[in-house]
Amino acid sequence: MRPAGVVRKVDQLGRIVLPKSLRKRYKMNEGDPVEILVAGDQILLERYRPKCVFCGEMNGVTEYREKHICEGCMGEMAQIRA
């Protein structure tokens, strides 16, 4: 990961503003969910992508009863019920 060389201050409510150039580069729009990750002493921001609650897969994920489940795990659950 290469530093972007941008410095922003945290406001009284703990907010920071992402520069327009970064939002545009990473296709982040107003209202998009952002995931906050901590790795050691670093704070990482990522565009949120839902992951399967069972296996962590990010492709083919659908929401069922407010949980995200991938096609593979749904297929396995269908076999259990059969």
Protein backbone atom coordinates (compact mmCIF):
# COMPACT_ATOMS: atom_id res chain seq x y z
CA MET A 1 0.00 0.00 0.00
CA ARG A 2 1.46 3.33 -1.05
CA PRO A 3 0.76 6.46 1.00
CA ALA A 4 -1.36 9.05 -0.82
CA GLY A 5 0.35 11.99 0.92
CA VAL A 6 -2.89 13.57 2.14
CA VAL A 7 -3.27 14.88 5.69
CA ARG A 8 -6.67 15.63 7.22
CA LYS A 9 -7.65 16.65 10.76
CA VAL A 10 -10.30 14.85 12.78
CA ASP A 11 -13.17 17.19 13.70
CA GLN A 12 -14.97 17.46 17.07
CA LEU A 13 -17.31 14.57 16.14
CA GLY A 14 -14.45 12.28 15.06
CA ARG A 15 -15.05 12.77 11.34
CA ILE A 16 -12.53 13.16 8.54
CA VAL A 17 -13.14 14.24 4.96
CA LEU A 18 -11.83 12.04 2.17
CA PRO A 19 -10.50 14.18 -0.68
CA LYS A 20 -12.61 14.18 -3.84
CA SER A 21 -9.70 12.77 -5.85
CA LEU A 22 -9.55 9.68 -3.59
CA ARG A 23 -13.33 9.22 -3.59
CA LYS A 24 -13.32 9.42 -7.38
CA ARG A 25 -10.34 7.05 -7.78
CA TYR A 26 -11.92 4.43 -5.50
CA LYS A 27 -15.49 4.99 -6.77
CA MET A 28 -16.86 6.06 -3.40
CA ASN A 29 -20.08 8.06 -3.46
CA GLU A 30 -22.06 9.88 -0.80
CA GLY A 31 -23.95 7.37 1.30
CA ASP A 32 -21.76 4.38 0.36
CA PRO A 33 -20.95 2.12 3.31
CA VAL A 34 -17.32 2.11 4.46
CA GLU A 35 -15.74 -0.60 6.58
CA ILE A 36 -13.21 0.44 9.25
CA LEU A 37 -10.48 -2.14 9.84
CA VAL A 38 -7.66 -2.11 12.37
CA ALA A 39 -4.32 -3.78 11.58
CA GLY A 40 -1.79 -3.32 14.35
CA ASP A 41 -1.47 0.43 14.81
CA GLN A 42 -3.07 1.28 11.45
CA ILE A 43 -6.68 2.20 10.70
CA LEU A 44 -7.80 1.11 7.22
CA LEU A 45 -10.88 2.26 5.33
CA GLU A 46 -12.43 0.03 2.64
CA ARG A 47 -15.56 0.19 0.57
CA TYR A 48 -17.89 -2.22 2.34
CA ARG A 49 -18.60 -5.46 0.51
CA PRO A 50 -20.84 -7.96 2.29
CA LYS A 51 -19.25 -11.32 3.12
CA CYS A 52 -20.90 -14.68 3.76
CA VAL A 53 -21.43 -15.15 7.50
CA PHE A 54 -20.32 -18.79 7.21
CA CYS A 55 -17.30 -18.88 4.90
CA GLY A 56 -16.35 -15.22 4.27
CA GLU A 57 -16.89 -15.43 0.48
CA MET A 58 -17.63 -12.08 -1.19
CA ASN A 59 -18.92 -13.29 -4.57
CA GLY A 60 -22.50 -14.39 -5.12
CA VAL A 61 -23.66 -13.13 -1.73
CA THR A 62 -27.35 -12.47 -1.08
CA GLU A 63 -29.12 -11.19 2.00
CA TYR A 64 -31.45 -13.51 3.89
CA ARG A 65 -33.08 -12.38 7.15
CA GLU A 66 -30.50 -9.60 7.56
CA LYS A 67 -27.59 -12.04 7.11
CA HIS A 68 -25.36 -12.36 4.05
CA ILE A 69 -25.00 -15.88 2.65
CA CYS A 70 -23.13 -17.03 -0.47
CA GLU A 71 -24.56 -19.39 -3.10
CA GLY A 72 -22.25 -22.21 -2.02
CA CYS A 73 -23.36 -22.15 1.62
CA MET A 74 -27.02 -21.83 0.60
CA GLY A 75 -26.57 -24.97 -1.54
CA GLU A 76 -24.98 -26.85 1.37
CA MET A 77 -27.85 -25.82 3.67
CA ALA A 78 -30.40 -27.01 1.09
CA GLN A 79 -28.70 -30.42 1.03
CA ILE A 80 -28.88 -30.68 4.82
CA ARG A 81 -32.64 -30.09 4.75
CA ALA A 82 -33.20 -32.71 2.02
